[in-house]
Amino acid sequence: MVNKFDHIKRNRIRSNFIGIRKTFVFLIVGFVVIGGAKGNLYSQSLDQDASSKPETELLLGKGSWDGPILYHQGNGEPVHLILVEKAIQKLFLYRYDGQYHLLKSYTCSTGEKRGQKREENDERTPEGIYFNISVYRDSKITIFGDRAFGLNYPDVFDDISGNTGNGIFIHGSNRNIKPFSTNGCIVLSNSDLADLDKRIELKKTPIIIGKHLPFRLSSPSNEISTLITFFKQAMLPEPYTLSKAEFQHVTVLKYQEKIVAFGEIRIDPDDVRIGFSRLYLVQPAKNFLVLLKREWSEF
């Protein structure tokens, strides 16, 4: 992206780290918590014959993957999910209510250069689990369309990997969409982006971007309900730990070795404020989870 959204890049909101060093782990959920849970978690049971696969293969998600949603509890409300598969230049919109429902697929364009984004101006599109953190709308239609949705790249996973740069958007265009033709953004036609915009709340919709996304899109086989209490506790900042917080929804996603748990929270039954919390975790070993960062915002 250039010029038009530069002010958005400069004003990009970066959440505070829970710890003081991005390369070090500061909050660990280990064998005491996970080891006591029944059933296999995360790196195991990726499919029915998972026990016959090498552990490194299970951790990195080789072959066919289970659906990315490991857990969702939304008080009867579904969660939406965007998948961007770079190899075939497609953006898929799903609704998940215990089953995956494909709502729409759109032709898109991603970075001119292939592979994971590593640095500013490398013309590559990042890969991982991202969220929309800024919205730009304009009554004028230009080569950048009339709206843009800024992604939270680089996130903590990118920081740890040394991936730099910023200003990655999903935006429209008044030109024909050509494959692999952007500076790193995800571009749809203006009409397609308007259609996507009206179907969902983008700020609440996770976006998974990858070269290939061989998800089977089946119901989760991993039983992680024993960890949800921990996730809820970790989602609340210290000022709210003693509040009567009501969780509107909690969802846990996995893409390769990256895990993100996010939730929408009414801070107090008598308070109109809503909090949105995201936990970023990795699983460096079997029965071992590391919480890297919490992001918190209110609206």
C-alpha atoms as a PDB file:
ATOM      1  CA  MET A   1       0.000   0.000   0.000  1.00  0.00           C
ATOM      2  CA  VAL A   2       1.240   3.513  -0.723  1.00  0.00           C
ATOM      3  CA  ASN A   3       0.315   7.109   0.022  1.00  0.00           C
ATOM      4  CA  LYS A   4      -3.421   6.819   0.660  1.00  0.00           C
ATOM      5  CA  PHE A   5      -3.138   4.674   3.764  1.00  0.00           C
ATOM      6  CA  ASP A   6       0.230   5.961   5.043  1.00  0.00           C
ATOM      7  CA  HIS A   7      -1.479   7.817   7.887  1.00  0.00           C
ATOM      8  CA  ILE A   8      -3.105   4.567   8.966  1.00  0.00           C
ATOM      9  CA  LYS A   9       0.290   2.873   9.041  1.00  0.00           C
ATOM     10  CA  ARG A  10       1.735   5.633  11.212  1.00  0.00           C
ATOM     11  CA  ASN A  11      -1.192   5.475  13.597  1.00  0.00           C
ATOM     12  CA  ARG A  12      -1.264   1.695  13.773  1.00  0.00           C
ATOM     13  CA  ILE A  13      -2.148   0.594  17.303  1.00  0.00           C
ATOM     14  CA  ARG A  14       0.303  -1.826  18.833  1.00  0.00           C
ATOM     15  CA  SER A  15      -0.835  -3.617  21.987  1.00  0.00           C
ATOM     16  CA  ASN A  16       1.445  -3.842  25.000  1.00  0.00           C
ATOM     17  CA  PHE A  17       3.372  -6.990  25.697  1.00  0.00           C
ATOM     18  CA  ILE A  18       2.578  -8.814  28.897  1.00  0.00           C
ATOM     19  CA  GLY A  19       6.309  -9.479  29.313  1.00  0.00           C
ATOM     20  CA  ILE A  20       9.377  -7.344  28.612  1.00  0.00           C
ATOM     21  CA  ARG A  21      11.143  -9.297  25.876  1.00  0.00           C
ATOM     22  CA  LYS A  22       9.476 -10.470  22.737  1.00  0.00           C
ATOM     23  CA  THR A  23      11.949 -13.306  22.201  1.00  0.00           C
ATOM     24  CA  PHE A  24      11.455 -14.846  25.620  1.00  0.00           C
ATOM     25  CA  VAL A  25       8.588 -16.799  27.102  1.00  0.00           C
ATOM     26  CA  PHE A  26       7.077 -15.336  30.222  1.00  0.00           C
ATOM     27  CA  LEU A  27       3.901 -17.249  30.990  1.00  0.00           C
ATOM     28  CA  ILE A  28       3.873 -21.003  30.654  1.00  0.00           C
ATOM     29  CA  VAL A  29       1.051 -23.481  30.928  1.00  0.00           C
ATOM     30  CA  GLY A  30       2.776 -26.796  31.276  1.00  0.00           C
ATOM     31  CA  PHE A  31       2.398 -30.351  32.334  1.00  0.00           C
ATOM     32  CA  VAL A  32       0.421 -29.525  35.469  1.00  0.00           C
ATOM     33  CA  VAL A  33      -2.462 -28.019  33.503  1.00  0.00           C
ATOM     34  CA  ILE A  34      -2.414 -29.865  30.228  1.00  0.00           C
ATOM     35  CA  GLY A  35      -1.081 -33.133  31.524  1.00  0.00           C
ATOM     36  CA  GLY A  36      -4.147 -33.460  33.703  1.00  0.00           C
ATOM     37  CA  ALA A  37      -6.554 -33.115  30.799  1.00  0.00           C
ATOM     38  CA  LYS A  38      -8.145 -36.183  29.377  1.00  0.00           C
ATOM     39  CA  GLY A  39      -7.595 -36.976  25.726  1.00  0.00           C
ATOM     40  CA  ASN A  40      -5.040 -35.623  23.305  1.00  0.00           C
ATOM     41  CA  LEU A  41      -4.461 -31.921  22.779  1.00  0.00           C
ATOM     42  CA  TYR A  42      -3.292 -29.942  19.762  1.00  0.00           C
ATOM     43  CA  SER A  43      -0.313 -31.872  18.420  1.00  0.00           C
ATOM     44  CA  GLN A  44      -2.091 -35.188  18.702  1.00  0.00           C
ATOM     45  CA  SER A  45      -5.197 -36.563  17.005  1.00  0.00           C
ATOM     46  CA  LEU A  46      -4.828 -34.441  13.874  1.00  0.00           C
ATOM     47  CA  ASP A  47      -6.574 -37.321  12.211  1.00  0.00           C
ATOM     48  CA  GLN A  48      -7.670 -40.817  13.128  1.00  0.00           C
ATOM     49  CA  ASP A  49      -4.292 -42.448  12.565  1.00  0.00           C
ATOM     50  CA  ALA A  50      -2.319 -39.567  14.102  1.00  0.00           C
ATOM     51  CA  SER A  51      -0.445 -41.899  16.441  1.00  0.00           C
ATOM     52  CA  SER A  52       1.353 -43.419  13.481  1.00  0.00           C
ATOM     53  CA  LYS A  53       2.719 -40.071  12.277  1.00  0.00           C
ATOM     54  CA  PRO A  54       6.021 -38.531  13.400  1.00  0.00           C
ATOM     55  CA  GLU A  55       5.620 -35.883  16.098  1.00  0.00           C
ATOM     56  CA  THR A  56       7.309 -33.225  13.950  1.00  0.00           C
ATOM     57  CA  GLU A  57       4.789 -33.894  11.198  1.00  0.00           C
ATOM     58  CA  LEU A  58       1.906 -33.487  13.619  1.00  0.00           C
ATOM     59  CA  LEU A  59       3.300 -30.267  15.068  1.00  0.00           C
ATOM     60  CA  LEU A  60       3.925 -28.613  11.720  1.00  0.00           C
ATOM     61  CA  GLY A  61       0.648 -29.726  10.229  1.00  0.00           C
ATOM     62  CA  LYS A  62       1.905 -31.698   7.230  1.00  0.00           C
ATOM     63  CA  GLY A  63      -0.606 -33.374   4.969  1.00  0.00           C
ATOM     64  CA  SER A  64      -4.318 -32.893   5.481  1.00  0.00           C
ATOM     65  CA  TRP A  65      -5.231 -30.779   8.509  1.00  0.00           C
ATOM     66  CA  ASP A  66      -8.231 -30.740  10.801  1.00  0.00           C
ATOM     67  CA  GLY A  67     -10.338 -27.619  10.575  1.00  0.00           C
ATOM     68  CA  PRO A  68      -8.668 -24.531  12.084  1.00  0.00           C
ATOM     69  CA  ILE A  69     -11.335 -24.010  14.774  1.00  0.00           C
ATOM     70  CA  LEU A  70     -10.413 -26.091  17.810  1.00  0.00           C
ATOM     71  CA  TYR A  71     -13.169 -24.699  20.029  1.00  0.00           C
ATOM     72  CA  HIS A  72     -16.062 -22.270  19.784  1.00  0.00           C
ATOM     73  CA  GLN A  73     -18.681 -21.284  22.334  1.00  0.00           C
ATOM     74  CA  GLY A  74     -20.783 -18.341  21.244  1.00  0.00           C
ATOM     75  CA  ASN A  75     -24.027 -18.521  23.230  1.00  0.00           C
ATOM     76  CA  GLY A  76     -25.811 -19.776  20.150  1.00  0.00           C
ATOM     77  CA  GLU A  77     -24.087 -17.368  17.757  1.00  0.00           C
ATOM     78  CA  PRO A  78     -21.756 -18.664  15.016  1.00  0.00           C
ATOM     79  CA  VAL A  79     -18.289 -17.331  14.243  1.00  0.00           C
ATOM     80  CA  HIS A  80     -17.151 -16.294  10.784  1.00  0.00           C
ATOM     81  CA  LEU A  81     -13.769 -17.185   9.350  1.00  0.00           C
ATOM     82  CA  ILE A  82     -11.854 -15.939   6.305  1.00  0.00           C
ATOM     83  CA  LEU A  83      -9.335 -18.219   4.594  1.00  0.00           C
ATOM     84  CA  VAL A  84      -6.976 -16.771   1.975  1.00  0.00           C
ATOM     85  CA  GLU A  85      -5.226 -19.457  -0.067  1.00  0.00           C
ATOM     86  CA  LYS A  86      -2.429 -17.745  -1.932  1.00  0.00           C
ATOM     87  CA  ALA A  87      -1.584 -20.620  -4.284  1.00  0.00           C
ATOM     88  CA  ILE A  88      -4.994 -20.455  -5.949  1.00  0.00           C
ATOM     89  CA  GLN A  89      -5.655 -16.727  -5.350  1.00  0.00           C
ATOM     90  CA  LYS A  90      -8.942 -17.278  -3.537  1.00  0.00           C
ATOM     91  CA  LEU A  91     -10.561 -15.805  -0.436  1.00  0.00           C
ATOM     92  CA  PHE A  92     -13.146 -18.050   1.249  1.00  0.00           C
ATOM     93  CA  LEU A  93     -15.745 -16.915   3.779  1.00  0.00           C
ATOM     94  CA  TYR A  94     -17.056 -19.539   6.201  1.00  0.00           C
ATOM     95  CA  ARG A  95     -19.612 -19.570   8.994  1.00  0.00           C
ATOM     96  CA  TYR A  96     -18.931 -22.019  11.810  1.00  0.00           C
ATOM     97  CA  ASP A  97     -21.671 -23.219  14.188  1.00  0.00           C
ATOM     98  CA  GLY A  98     -20.194 -26.622  14.991  1.00  0.00           C
ATOM     99  CA  GLN A  99     -20.034 -27.310  11.258  1.00  0.00           C
ATOM    100  CA  TYR A 100     -18.316 -25.332   8.528  1.00  0.00           C
ATOM    101  CA  HIS A 101     -20.560 -23.612   5.976  1.00  0.00           C
ATOM    102  CA  LEU A 102     -18.980 -22.010   2.915  1.00  0.00           C
ATOM    103  CA  LEU A 103     -20.844 -18.740   2.354  1.00  0.00           C
ATOM    104  CA  LYS A 104     -18.886 -17.296  -0.547  1.00  0.00           C
ATOM    105  CA  SER A 105     -15.588 -17.499  -2.382  1.00  0.00           C
ATOM    106  CA  TYR A 106     -13.922 -14.547  -4.081  1.00  0.00           C
ATOM    107  CA  THR A 107     -11.083 -14.157  -6.541  1.00  0.00           C
ATOM    108  CA  CYS A 108      -8.283 -12.148  -4.958  1.00  0.00           C
ATOM    109  CA  SER A 109      -4.738 -11.083  -5.629  1.00  0.00           C
ATOM    110  CA  THR A 110      -1.803 -11.295  -3.226  1.00  0.00           C
ATOM    111  CA  GLY A 111       1.849 -10.252  -3.282  1.00  0.00           C
ATOM    112  CA  GLU A 112       3.796 -10.223  -6.508  1.00  0.00           C
ATOM    113  CA  LYS A 113       6.572 -12.216  -4.834  1.00  0.00           C
ATOM    114  CA  ARG A 114       5.773 -15.662  -3.469  1.00  0.00           C
ATOM    115  CA  GLY A 115       6.410 -16.900   0.052  1.00  0.00           C
ATOM    116  CA  GLN A 116       6.123 -15.499   3.576  1.00  0.00           C
ATOM    117  CA  LYS A 117       6.559 -11.775   4.084  1.00  0.00           C
ATOM    118  CA  ARG A 118       9.901 -11.044   5.747  1.00  0.00           C
ATOM    119  CA  GLU A 119      10.497  -7.314   5.475  1.00  0.00           C
ATOM    120  CA  GLU A 120       9.146  -3.946   4.360  1.00  0.00           C
ATOM    121  CA  ASN A 121       8.647  -3.572   0.598  1.00  0.00           C
ATOM    122  CA  ASP A 122       9.427  -7.209  -0.234  1.00  0.00           C
ATOM    123  CA  GLU A 123       6.116  -7.466  -2.165  1.00  0.00           C
ATOM    124  CA  ARG A 124       5.057 -10.584  -0.251  1.00  0.00           C
ATOM    125  CA  THR A 125       1.816 -11.295   1.608  1.00  0.00           C
ATOM    126  CA  PRO A 126       2.206 -12.506   5.220  1.00  0.00           C
ATOM    127  CA  GLU A 127       1.005 -15.930   6.336  1.00  0.00           C
ATOM    128  CA  GLY A 128      -0.633 -16.701   9.660  1.00  0.00           C
ATOM    129  CA  ILE A 129      -3.696 -15.828  11.758  1.00  0.00           C
ATOM    130  CA  TYR A 130      -4.581 -12.144  11.569  1.00  0.00           C
ATOM    131  CA  PHE A 131      -7.326  -9.741  12.607  1.00  0.00           C
ATOM    132  CA  ASN A 132      -8.683  -6.482  11.258  1.00  0.00           C
ATOM    133  CA  ILE A 133      -7.607  -3.598  13.517  1.00  0.00           C
ATOM    134  CA  SER A 134      -8.425  -0.540  11.400  1.00  0.00           C
ATOM    135  CA  VAL A 135     -11.029   0.487   8.846  1.00  0.00           C
ATOM    136  CA  TYR A 136     -10.736   3.141   6.175  1.00  0.00           C
ATOM    137  CA  ARG A 137     -13.671   4.244   4.046  1.00  0.00           C
ATOM    138  CA  ASP A 138     -13.847   6.871   1.319  1.00  0.00           C
ATOM    139  CA  SER A 139     -16.629   8.097  -0.912  1.00  0.00           C
ATOM    140  CA  LYS A 140     -14.183   8.242  -3.803  1.00  0.00           C
ATOM    141  CA  ILE A 141     -13.340   5.110  -5.744  1.00  0.00           C
ATOM    142  CA  THR A 142      -9.669   4.835  -6.703  1.00  0.00           C
ATOM    143  CA  ILE A 143      -7.207   2.111  -7.634  1.00  0.00           C
ATOM    144  CA  PHE A 144      -7.320   1.250  -3.918  1.00  0.00           C
ATOM    145  CA  GLY A 145     -11.101   0.958  -3.885  1.00  0.00           C
ATOM    146  CA  ASP A 146     -13.429   2.800  -1.520  1.00  0.00           C
ATOM    147  CA  ARG A 147     -12.598   0.863   1.650  1.00  0.00           C
ATOM    148  CA  ALA A 148      -9.680  -0.899   3.290  1.00  0.00           C
ATOM    149  CA  PHE A 149      -9.293  -3.149   6.320  1.00  0.00           C
ATOM    150  CA  GLY A 150      -5.921  -3.068   8.046  1.00  0.00           C
ATOM    151  CA  LEU A 151      -4.485  -6.315   9.412  1.00  0.00           C
ATOM    152  CA  ASN A 152      -2.449  -6.649  12.600  1.00  0.00           C
ATOM    153  CA  TYR A 153       0.745  -7.570  10.761  1.00  0.00           C
ATOM    154  CA  PRO A 154       3.300  -7.955  12.203  1.00  0.00           C
ATOM    155  CA  ASP A 155       1.854  -9.856  15.152  1.00  0.00           C
ATOM    156  CA  VAL A 156       3.814 -11.471  17.963  1.00  0.00           C
ATOM    157  CA  PHE A 157       4.529 -14.577  15.861  1.00  0.00           C
ATOM    158  CA  ASP A 158       6.048 -12.342  13.187  1.00  0.00           C
ATOM    159  CA  ASP A 159       8.015 -10.378  15.779  1.00  0.00           C
ATOM    160  CA  ILE A 160       9.592 -13.555  17.126  1.00  0.00           C
ATOM    161  CA  SER A 161      10.363 -14.742  13.572  1.00  0.00           C
ATOM    162  CA  GLY A 162      11.937 -11.399  12.716  1.00  0.00           C
ATOM    163  CA  ASN A 163       9.338 -10.515  10.079  1.00  0.00           C
ATOM    164  CA  THR A 164       9.078  -6.744   9.659  1.00  0.00           C
ATOM    165  CA  GLY A 165       7.050  -4.207   7.684  1.00  0.00           C
ATOM    166  CA  ASN A 166       3.480  -2.984   8.109  1.00  0.00           C
ATOM    167  CA  GLY A 167       0.549  -1.570   6.174  1.00  0.00           C
ATOM    168  CA  ILE A 168      -1.034  -4.853   5.074  1.00  0.00           C
ATOM    169  CA  PHE A 169      -4.665  -4.357   4.070  1.00  0.00           C
ATOM    170  CA  ILE A 170      -7.576  -6.137   2.508  1.00  0.00           C
ATOM    171  CA  HIS A 171      -8.751  -3.529   0.025  1.00  0.00           C
ATOM    172  CA  GLY A 172     -10.596  -3.114  -3.249  1.00  0.00           C
ATOM    173  CA  SER A 173      -9.591  -1.930  -6.671  1.00  0.00           C
ATOM    174  CA  ASN A 174     -11.270  -0.381  -9.690  1.00  0.00           C
ATOM    175  CA  ARG A 175      -8.947  -2.326 -11.967  1.00  0.00           C
ATOM    176  CA  ASN A 176      -9.151  -5.909 -13.155  1.00  0.00           C
ATOM    177  CA  ILE A 177      -7.803  -8.290 -10.527  1.00  0.00           C
ATOM    178  CA  LYS A 178      -4.610  -9.910 -11.781  1.00  0.00           C
ATOM    179  CA  PRO A 179      -3.047 -12.838  -9.896  1.00  0.00           C
ATOM    180  CA  PHE A 180       0.008 -12.132  -7.764  1.00  0.00           C
ATOM    181  CA  SER A 181       0.088  -8.423  -8.556  1.00  0.00           C
ATOM    182  CA  THR A 182       0.064  -6.537  -5.236  1.00  0.00           C
ATOM    183  CA  ASN A 183       2.722  -5.071  -2.988  1.00  0.00           C
ATOM    184  CA  GLY A 184       1.650  -7.489  -0.257  1.00  0.00           C
ATOM    185  CA  CYS A 185      -1.962  -6.560   0.380  1.00  0.00           C
ATOM    186  CA  ILE A 186      -4.954  -8.785  -0.379  1.00  0.00           C
ATOM    187  CA  VAL A 187      -6.967  -7.161  -3.149  1.00  0.00           C
ATOM    188  CA  LEU A 188     -10.527  -7.892  -4.264  1.00  0.00           C
ATOM    189  CA  SER A 189     -12.706  -6.126  -6.779  1.00  0.00           C
ATOM    190  CA  ASN A 190     -14.683  -3.253  -5.291  1.00  0.00           C
ATOM    191  CA  SER A 191     -17.949  -5.138  -5.712  1.00  0.00           C
ATOM    192  CA  ASP A 192     -16.603  -8.287  -4.067  1.00  0.00           C
ATOM    193  CA  LEU A 193     -15.171  -6.388  -1.111  1.00  0.00           C
ATOM    194  CA  ALA A 194     -18.473  -4.547  -0.658  1.00  0.00           C
ATOM    195  CA  ASP A 195     -20.252  -7.899  -0.671  1.00  0.00           C
ATOM    196  CA  LEU A 196     -17.830  -9.329   1.903  1.00  0.00           C
ATOM    197  CA  ASP A 197     -18.157  -6.203   4.043  1.00  0.00           C
ATOM    198  CA  LYS A 198     -21.949  -6.455   4.286  1.00  0.00           C
ATOM    199  CA  ARG A 199     -21.923 -10.146   5.227  1.00  0.00           C
ATOM    200  CA  ILE A 200     -19.790  -9.976   8.371  1.00  0.00           C
ATOM    201  CA  GLU A 201     -18.213  -7.782  11.025  1.00  0.00           C
ATOM    202  CA  LEU A 202     -14.633  -7.804   9.828  1.00  0.00           C
ATOM    203  CA  LYS A 203     -13.251  -6.588  13.150  1.00  0.00           C
ATOM    204  CA  LYS A 204     -14.567  -9.776  14.780  1.00  0.00           C
ATOM    205  CA  THR A 205     -13.572 -12.160  11.980  1.00  0.00           C
ATOM    206  CA  PRO A 206     -10.195 -13.967  12.050  1.00  0.00           C
ATOM    207  CA  ILE A 207      -8.293 -14.221   8.777  1.00  0.00           C
ATOM    208  CA  ILE A 208      -5.991 -17.160   8.061  1.00  0.00           C
ATOM    209  CA  ILE A 209      -3.558 -16.630   5.186  1.00  0.00           C
ATOM    210  CA  GLY A 210      -1.386 -19.398   3.783  1.00  0.00           C
ATOM    211  CA  LYS A 211       0.156 -20.691   0.598  1.00  0.00           C
ATOM    212  CA  HIS A 212      -1.856 -23.901   0.841  1.00  0.00           C
ATOM    213  CA  LEU A 213      -4.649 -24.497   3.358  1.00  0.00           C
ATOM    214  CA  PRO A 214      -5.423 -28.228   3.179  1.00  0.00           C
ATOM    215  CA  PHE A 215      -8.049 -28.130   5.914  1.00  0.00           C
ATOM    216  CA  ARG A 216     -10.575 -30.970   5.958  1.00  0.00           C
ATOM    217  CA  LEU A 217     -13.056 -28.561   7.584  1.00  0.00           C
ATOM    218  CA  SER A 218     -14.475 -31.217   9.844  1.00  0.00           C
ATOM    219  CA  SER A 219     -15.640 -30.711  13.414  1.00  0.00           C
ATOM    220  CA  PRO A 220     -12.754 -30.494  15.899  1.00  0.00           C
ATOM    221  CA  SER A 221     -11.462 -33.802  17.179  1.00  0.00           C
ATOM    222  CA  ASN A 222      -9.304 -32.245  19.903  1.00  0.00           C
ATOM    223  CA  GLU A 223     -10.915 -31.964  23.322  1.00  0.00           C
ATOM    224  CA  ILE A 224      -9.664 -28.712  24.860  1.00  0.00           C
ATOM    225  CA  SER A 225     -12.620 -27.740  27.017  1.00  0.00           C
ATOM    226  CA  THR A 226     -10.507 -28.282  30.135  1.00  0.00           C
ATOM    227  CA  LEU A 227      -8.335 -25.329  29.076  1.00  0.00           C
ATOM    228  CA  ILE A 228     -11.126 -22.832  28.480  1.00  0.00           C
ATOM    229  CA  THR A 229     -11.181 -21.689  32.105  1.00  0.00           C
ATOM    230  CA  PHE A 230      -7.489 -20.849  31.842  1.00  0.00           C
ATOM    231  CA  PHE A 231      -8.024 -19.028  28.554  1.00  0.00           C
ATOM    232  CA  LYS A 232     -10.803 -16.924  30.069  1.00  0.00           C
ATOM    233  CA  GLN A 233      -8.672 -16.006  33.070  1.00  0.00           C
ATOM    234  CA  ALA A 234      -5.730 -15.072  30.847  1.00  0.00           C
ATOM    235  CA  MET A 235      -7.930 -12.956  28.545  1.00  0.00           C
ATOM    236  CA  LEU A 236      -8.840 -10.471  31.287  1.00  0.00           C
ATOM    237  CA  PRO A 237      -6.407  -7.652  32.132  1.00  0.00           C
ATOM    238  CA  GLU A 238      -5.600  -7.243  35.806  1.00  0.00           C
ATOM    239  CA  PRO A 239      -8.075  -4.376  36.440  1.00  0.00           C
ATOM    240  CA  TYR A 240     -10.926  -6.681  35.427  1.00  0.00           C
ATOM    241  CA  THR A 241      -9.927  -9.967  37.031  1.00  0.00           C
ATOM    242  CA  LEU A 242     -12.374  -9.429  39.897  1.00  0.00           C
ATOM    243  CA  SER A 243     -15.191  -8.092  37.717  1.00  0.00           C
ATOM    244  CA  LYS A 244     -18.334 -10.003  36.848  1.00  0.00           C
ATOM    245  CA  ALA A 245     -17.192 -10.442  33.266  1.00  0.00           C
ATOM    246  CA  GLU A 246     -19.583 -12.193  30.895  1.00  0.00           C
ATOM    247  CA  PHE A 247     -18.023 -13.917  27.886  1.00  0.00           C
ATOM    248  CA  GLN A 248     -20.126 -13.436  24.765  1.00  0.00           C
ATOM    249  CA  HIS A 249     -17.990 -15.915  22.848  1.00  0.00           C
ATOM    250  CA  VAL A 250     -14.659 -17.739  23.046  1.00  0.00           C
ATOM    251  CA  THR A 251     -12.979 -19.251  19.996  1.00  0.00           C
ATOM    252  CA  VAL A 252      -9.661 -21.099  19.645  1.00  0.00           C
ATOM    253  CA  LEU A 253      -7.895 -21.345  16.282  1.00  0.00           C
ATOM    254  CA  LYS A 254      -4.819 -23.180  15.098  1.00  0.00           C
ATOM    255  CA  TYR A 255      -2.687 -22.657  11.991  1.00  0.00           C
ATOM    256  CA  GLN A 256       0.381 -24.891  11.867  1.00  0.00           C
ATOM    257  CA  GLU A 257       2.119 -24.409  15.246  1.00  0.00           C
ATOM    258  CA  LYS A 258       0.364 -21.091  15.957  1.00  0.00           C
ATOM    259  CA  ILE A 259      -2.633 -20.977  18.295  1.00  0.00           C
ATOM    260  CA  VAL A 260      -4.857 -17.961  18.930  1.00  0.00           C
ATOM    261  CA  ALA A 261      -7.694 -17.845  21.443  1.00  0.00           C
ATOM    262  CA  PHE A 262      -9.965 -14.833  21.253  1.00  0.00           C
ATOM    263  CA  GLY A 263     -13.122 -13.705  22.951  1.00  0.00           C
ATOM    264  CA  GLU A 264     -15.658 -10.911  23.250  1.00  0.00           C
ATOM    265  CA  ILE A 265     -16.410  -9.939  26.839  1.00  0.00           C
ATOM    266  CA  ARG A 266     -18.975  -7.744  28.555  1.00  0.00           C
ATOM    267  CA  ILE A 267     -16.838  -6.341  31.328  1.00  0.00           C
ATOM    268  CA  ASP A 268     -19.715  -6.059  33.800  1.00  0.00           C
ATOM    269  CA  PRO A 269     -23.452  -6.769  33.469  1.00  0.00           C
ATOM    270  CA  ASP A 270     -24.134  -3.119  34.387  1.00  0.00           C
ATOM    271  CA  ASP A 271     -21.411  -1.761  32.074  1.00  0.00           C
ATOM    272  CA  VAL A 272     -22.001  -1.051  28.389  1.00  0.00           C
ATOM    273  CA  ARG A 273     -18.329  -1.531  27.553  1.00  0.00           C
ATOM    274  CA  ILE A 274     -17.277  -4.576  25.535  1.00  0.00           C
ATOM    275  CA  GLY A 275     -13.761  -5.958  25.614  1.00  0.00           C
ATOM    276  CA  PHE A 276     -12.103  -7.939  22.850  1.00  0.00           C
ATOM    277  CA  SER A 277      -9.173 -10.109  23.913  1.00  0.00           C
ATOM    278  CA  ARG A 278      -6.693 -12.236  21.978  1.00  0.00           C
ATOM    279  CA  LEU A 279      -4.171 -14.728  23.344  1.00  0.00           C
ATOM    280  CA  TYR A 280      -1.215 -15.818  21.218  1.00  0.00           C
ATOM    281  CA  LEU A 281       0.213 -19.226  22.091  1.00  0.00           C
ATOM    282  CA  VAL A 282       2.611 -21.815  20.741  1.00  0.00           C
ATOM    283  CA  GLN A 283       3.096 -25.473  21.534  1.00  0.00           C
ATOM    284  CA  PRO A 284       6.846 -26.161  21.596  1.00  0.00           C
ATOM    285  CA  ALA A 285       6.390 -29.706  22.887  1.00  0.00           C
ATOM    286  CA  LYS A 286       3.761 -32.313  23.571  1.00  0.00           C
ATOM    287  CA  ASN A 287       1.458 -31.383  26.484  1.00  0.00           C
ATOM    288  CA  PHE A 288       3.048 -27.949  26.755  1.00  0.00           C
ATOM    289  CA  LEU A 289       1.588 -24.552  25.854  1.00  0.00           C
ATOM    290  CA  VAL A 290       3.317 -21.174  26.027  1.00  0.00           C
ATOM    291  CA  LEU A 291       1.368 -17.925  26.190  1.00  0.00           C
ATOM    292  CA  LEU A 292       3.329 -15.286  24.320  1.00  0.00           C
ATOM    293  CA  LYS A 293       1.067 -12.262  24.452  1.00  0.00           C
ATOM    294  CA  ARG A 294      -2.359 -10.905  25.249  1.00  0.00           C
ATOM    295  CA  GLU A 295      -3.976  -8.131  23.212  1.00  0.00           C
ATOM    296  CA  TRP A 296      -6.876  -6.207  24.700  1.00  0.00           C
ATOM    297  CA  SER A 297      -9.142  -3.525  23.264  1.00  0.00           C
ATOM    298  CA  GLU A 298     -12.442  -1.981  24.351  1.00  0.00           C
ATOM    299  CA  PHE A 299     -15.310  -0.519  22.389  1.00  0.00           C
END
